[in-house]
Amino acid sequence: MNKDEFEKYYESSEANEDSKSDTRVILFLVTVVVVAMTYWVAVQ
């Protein structure tokens, strides 16, 4: 992939929206894992 293709993809608003929603999903999953691990450690 050359630089022009890279910029064209990442500067489109749709690509930015996709990456924002991906970030939210990842943050949500990390939060769930942290809460689950905290609970699991607490009940041991």
C-alpha atoms as a PDB file:
ATOM      1  CA  MET A   1       0.000   0.000   0.000  1.00  0.00           C
ATOM      2  CA  ASN A   2       1.511   3.348  -0.946  1.00  0.00           C
ATOM      3  CA  LYS A   3       1.223   6.610   0.971  1.00  0.00           C
ATOM      4  CA  ASP A   4      -1.561   8.037  -1.213  1.00  0.00           C
ATOM      5  CA  GLU A   5      -3.792   5.010  -0.662  1.00  0.00           C
ATOM      6  CA  PHE A   6      -3.045   5.119   3.063  1.00  0.00           C
ATOM      7  CA  GLU A   7      -4.043   8.793   3.330  1.00  0.00           C
ATOM      8  CA  LYS A   8      -7.107   8.352   1.141  1.00  0.00           C
ATOM      9  CA  TYR A   9      -8.362   5.555   3.404  1.00  0.00           C
ATOM     10  CA  TYR A  10      -7.575   7.141   6.758  1.00  0.00           C
ATOM     11  CA  GLU A  11      -8.751  10.632   5.872  1.00  0.00           C
ATOM     12  CA  SER A  12     -12.213   9.543   4.790  1.00  0.00           C
ATOM     13  CA  SER A  13     -14.926  10.292   7.347  1.00  0.00           C
ATOM     14  CA  GLU A  14     -16.280   6.758   7.096  1.00  0.00           C
ATOM     15  CA  ALA A  15     -12.908   5.270   8.056  1.00  0.00           C
ATOM     16  CA  ASN A  16     -12.707   7.658  11.003  1.00  0.00           C
ATOM     17  CA  GLU A  17     -16.185   6.655  12.186  1.00  0.00           C
ATOM     18  CA  ASP A  18     -15.255   2.966  11.910  1.00  0.00           C
ATOM     19  CA  SER A  19     -12.114   3.444  13.973  1.00  0.00           C
ATOM     20  CA  LYS A  20     -14.035   5.415  16.620  1.00  0.00           C
ATOM     21  CA  SER A  21     -16.625   2.670  16.986  1.00  0.00           C
ATOM     22  CA  ASP A  22     -13.861   0.036  17.077  1.00  0.00           C
ATOM     23  CA  THR A  23     -12.166   1.997  19.860  1.00  0.00           C
ATOM     24  CA  ARG A  24     -15.417   2.106  21.845  1.00  0.00           C
ATOM     25  CA  VAL A  25     -15.884  -1.654  21.463  1.00  0.00           C
ATOM     26  CA  ILE A  26     -12.300  -2.322  22.573  1.00  0.00           C
ATOM     27  CA  LEU A  27     -12.626  -0.002  25.589  1.00  0.00           C
ATOM     28  CA  PHE A  28     -15.915  -1.690  26.531  1.00  0.00           C
ATOM     29  CA  LEU A  29     -14.339  -5.157  26.317  1.00  0.00           C
ATOM     30  CA  VAL A  30     -11.301  -4.066  28.353  1.00  0.00           C
ATOM     31  CA  THR A  31     -13.629  -2.612  31.009  1.00  0.00           C
ATOM     32  CA  VAL A  32     -15.662  -5.833  31.158  1.00  0.00           C
ATOM     33  CA  VAL A  33     -12.487  -7.924  31.503  1.00  0.00           C
ATOM     34  CA  VAL A  34     -11.114  -5.690  34.277  1.00  0.00           C
ATOM     35  CA  VAL A  35     -14.406  -5.813  36.184  1.00  0.00           C
ATOM     36  CA  ALA A  36     -14.643  -9.587  35.731  1.00  0.00           C
ATOM     37  CA  MET A  37     -11.052 -10.125  36.924  1.00  0.00           C
ATOM     38  CA  THR A  38     -11.585  -7.819  39.906  1.00  0.00           C
ATOM     39  CA  TYR A  39     -14.717  -9.745  40.877  1.00  0.00           C
ATOM     40  CA  TRP A  40     -12.987 -13.108  40.353  1.00  0.00           C
ATOM     41  CA  VAL A  41     -10.061 -12.077  42.581  1.00  0.00           C
ATOM     42  CA  ALA A  42     -12.443 -10.691  45.227  1.00  0.00           C
ATOM     43  CA  VAL A  43     -14.396 -13.943  45.568  1.00  0.00           C
ATOM     44  CA  GLN A  44     -11.284 -16.128  45.912  1.00  0.00           C
END
